[in-house]
Amino acid sequence: MQIIINLVVFVLVAATVYASSASSAFIGDVRVALKHVDAGKQLSKPELIRRATQRSKARAAARSPC
């Protein structure tokens, strides 16, 4: 019986330490709500894909060194 109590206490302490260290990683972080550029525009699936491809190519061109 003592072994089970020790095990339960150990698990609770370990969970508490893990939860506190995981949550401390987010202290001071800035969170913002983002809205997709095509949200609410009633675009068809092919049009959404075309626009996403166009944005992706524009990002790649902006990053290229030429």
C-alpha atoms as a PDB file:
ATOM      1  CA  MET A   1       0.000   0.000   0.000  1.00  0.00           C
ATOM      2  CA  GLN A   2       2.851   2.378   0.837  1.00  0.00           C
ATOM      3  CA  ILE A   3       4.377   1.762  -2.611  1.00  0.00           C
ATOM      4  CA  ILE A   4       1.148   2.810  -4.332  1.00  0.00           C
ATOM      5  CA  ILE A   5       0.919   5.998  -2.261  1.00  0.00           C
ATOM      6  CA  ASN A   6       4.551   6.832  -3.039  1.00  0.00           C
ATOM      7  CA  LEU A   7       3.937   6.195  -6.725  1.00  0.00           C
ATOM      8  CA  VAL A   8       0.848   8.424  -6.781  1.00  0.00           C
ATOM      9  CA  VAL A   9       2.719  11.218  -4.990  1.00  0.00           C
ATOM     10  CA  PHE A  10       5.620  10.891  -7.415  1.00  0.00           C
ATOM     11  CA  VAL A  11       3.326  11.080 -10.451  1.00  0.00           C
ATOM     12  CA  LEU A  12       1.521  14.123  -9.066  1.00  0.00           C
ATOM     13  CA  VAL A  13       4.777  15.936  -8.311  1.00  0.00           C
ATOM     14  CA  ALA A  14       6.209  15.064 -11.720  1.00  0.00           C
ATOM     15  CA  ALA A  15       3.049  16.277 -13.469  1.00  0.00           C
ATOM     16  CA  THR A  16       3.119  19.534 -11.508  1.00  0.00           C
ATOM     17  CA  VAL A  17       6.772  20.180 -12.336  1.00  0.00           C
ATOM     18  CA  TYR A  18       6.200  19.353 -15.999  1.00  0.00           C
ATOM     19  CA  ALA A  19       3.128  21.606 -16.224  1.00  0.00           C
ATOM     20  CA  SER A  20       4.849  24.531 -14.541  1.00  0.00           C
ATOM     21  CA  SER A  21       7.947  24.300 -16.752  1.00  0.00           C
ATOM     22  CA  ALA A  22       5.848  23.975 -19.896  1.00  0.00           C
ATOM     23  CA  SER A  23       3.686  26.958 -19.050  1.00  0.00           C
ATOM     24  CA  SER A  24       6.677  29.121 -18.137  1.00  0.00           C
ATOM     25  CA  ALA A  25       7.829  28.883 -21.750  1.00  0.00           C
ATOM     26  CA  PHE A  26       4.845  30.994 -22.766  1.00  0.00           C
ATOM     27  CA  ILE A  27       5.267  33.766 -20.201  1.00  0.00           C
ATOM     28  CA  GLY A  28       5.807  37.038 -22.018  1.00  0.00           C
ATOM     29  CA  ASP A  29       4.846  35.717 -25.449  1.00  0.00           C
ATOM     30  CA  VAL A  30       2.793  37.992 -27.652  1.00  0.00           C
ATOM     31  CA  ARG A  31      -0.268  36.437 -29.210  1.00  0.00           C
ATOM     32  CA  VAL A  32      -2.221  38.000 -32.034  1.00  0.00           C
ATOM     33  CA  ALA A  33      -5.296  36.888 -33.929  1.00  0.00           C
ATOM     34  CA  LEU A  34      -4.606  36.362 -37.609  1.00  0.00           C
ATOM     35  CA  LYS A  35      -7.149  36.378 -40.371  1.00  0.00           C
ATOM     36  CA  HIS A  36      -6.525  34.612 -43.644  1.00  0.00           C
ATOM     37  CA  VAL A  37      -6.303  36.978 -46.601  1.00  0.00           C
ATOM     38  CA  ASP A  38      -9.017  35.111 -48.497  1.00  0.00           C
ATOM     39  CA  ALA A  39     -11.401  34.662 -45.567  1.00  0.00           C
ATOM     40  CA  GLY A  40     -14.977  35.656 -46.321  1.00  0.00           C
ATOM     41  CA  LYS A  41     -14.447  36.298 -50.041  1.00  0.00           C
ATOM     42  CA  GLN A  42     -16.697  33.441 -51.277  1.00  0.00           C
ATOM     43  CA  LEU A  43     -14.013  32.141 -53.666  1.00  0.00           C
ATOM     44  CA  SER A  44     -14.203  28.776 -55.394  1.00  0.00           C
ATOM     45  CA  LYS A  45     -11.718  26.025 -54.517  1.00  0.00           C
ATOM     46  CA  PRO A  46      -9.743  26.425 -57.790  1.00  0.00           C
ATOM     47  CA  GLU A  47      -9.563  30.187 -57.228  1.00  0.00           C
ATOM     48  CA  LEU A  48      -8.319  29.693 -53.657  1.00  0.00           C
ATOM     49  CA  ILE A  49      -5.618  27.327 -54.909  1.00  0.00           C
ATOM     50  CA  ARG A  50      -4.623  29.723 -57.700  1.00  0.00           C
ATOM     51  CA  ARG A  51      -4.337  32.628 -55.271  1.00  0.00           C
ATOM     52  CA  ALA A  52      -2.359  30.553 -52.758  1.00  0.00           C
ATOM     53  CA  THR A  53       0.049  29.483 -55.525  1.00  0.00           C
ATOM     54  CA  GLN A  54       0.417  33.082 -56.630  1.00  0.00           C
ATOM     55  CA  ARG A  55       1.248  34.220 -53.069  1.00  0.00           C
ATOM     56  CA  SER A  56       3.730  31.378 -52.657  1.00  0.00           C
ATOM     57  CA  LYS A  57       5.542  32.277 -55.887  1.00  0.00           C
ATOM     58  CA  ALA A  58       5.633  35.938 -54.853  1.00  0.00           C
ATOM     59  CA  ARG A  59       7.183  35.003 -51.461  1.00  0.00           C
ATOM     60  CA  ALA A  60       9.785  32.803 -53.178  1.00  0.00           C
ATOM     61  CA  ALA A  61      10.645  35.577 -55.636  1.00  0.00           C
ATOM     62  CA  ALA A  62      10.991  38.100 -52.799  1.00  0.00           C
ATOM     63  CA  ARG A  63      13.443  35.802 -50.987  1.00  0.00           C
ATOM     64  CA  SER A  64      15.571  34.935 -54.002  1.00  0.00           C
ATOM     65  CA  PRO A  65      18.892  36.808 -54.179  1.00  0.00           C
ATOM     66  CA  CYS A  66      18.586  37.788 -57.857  1.00  0.00           C
END
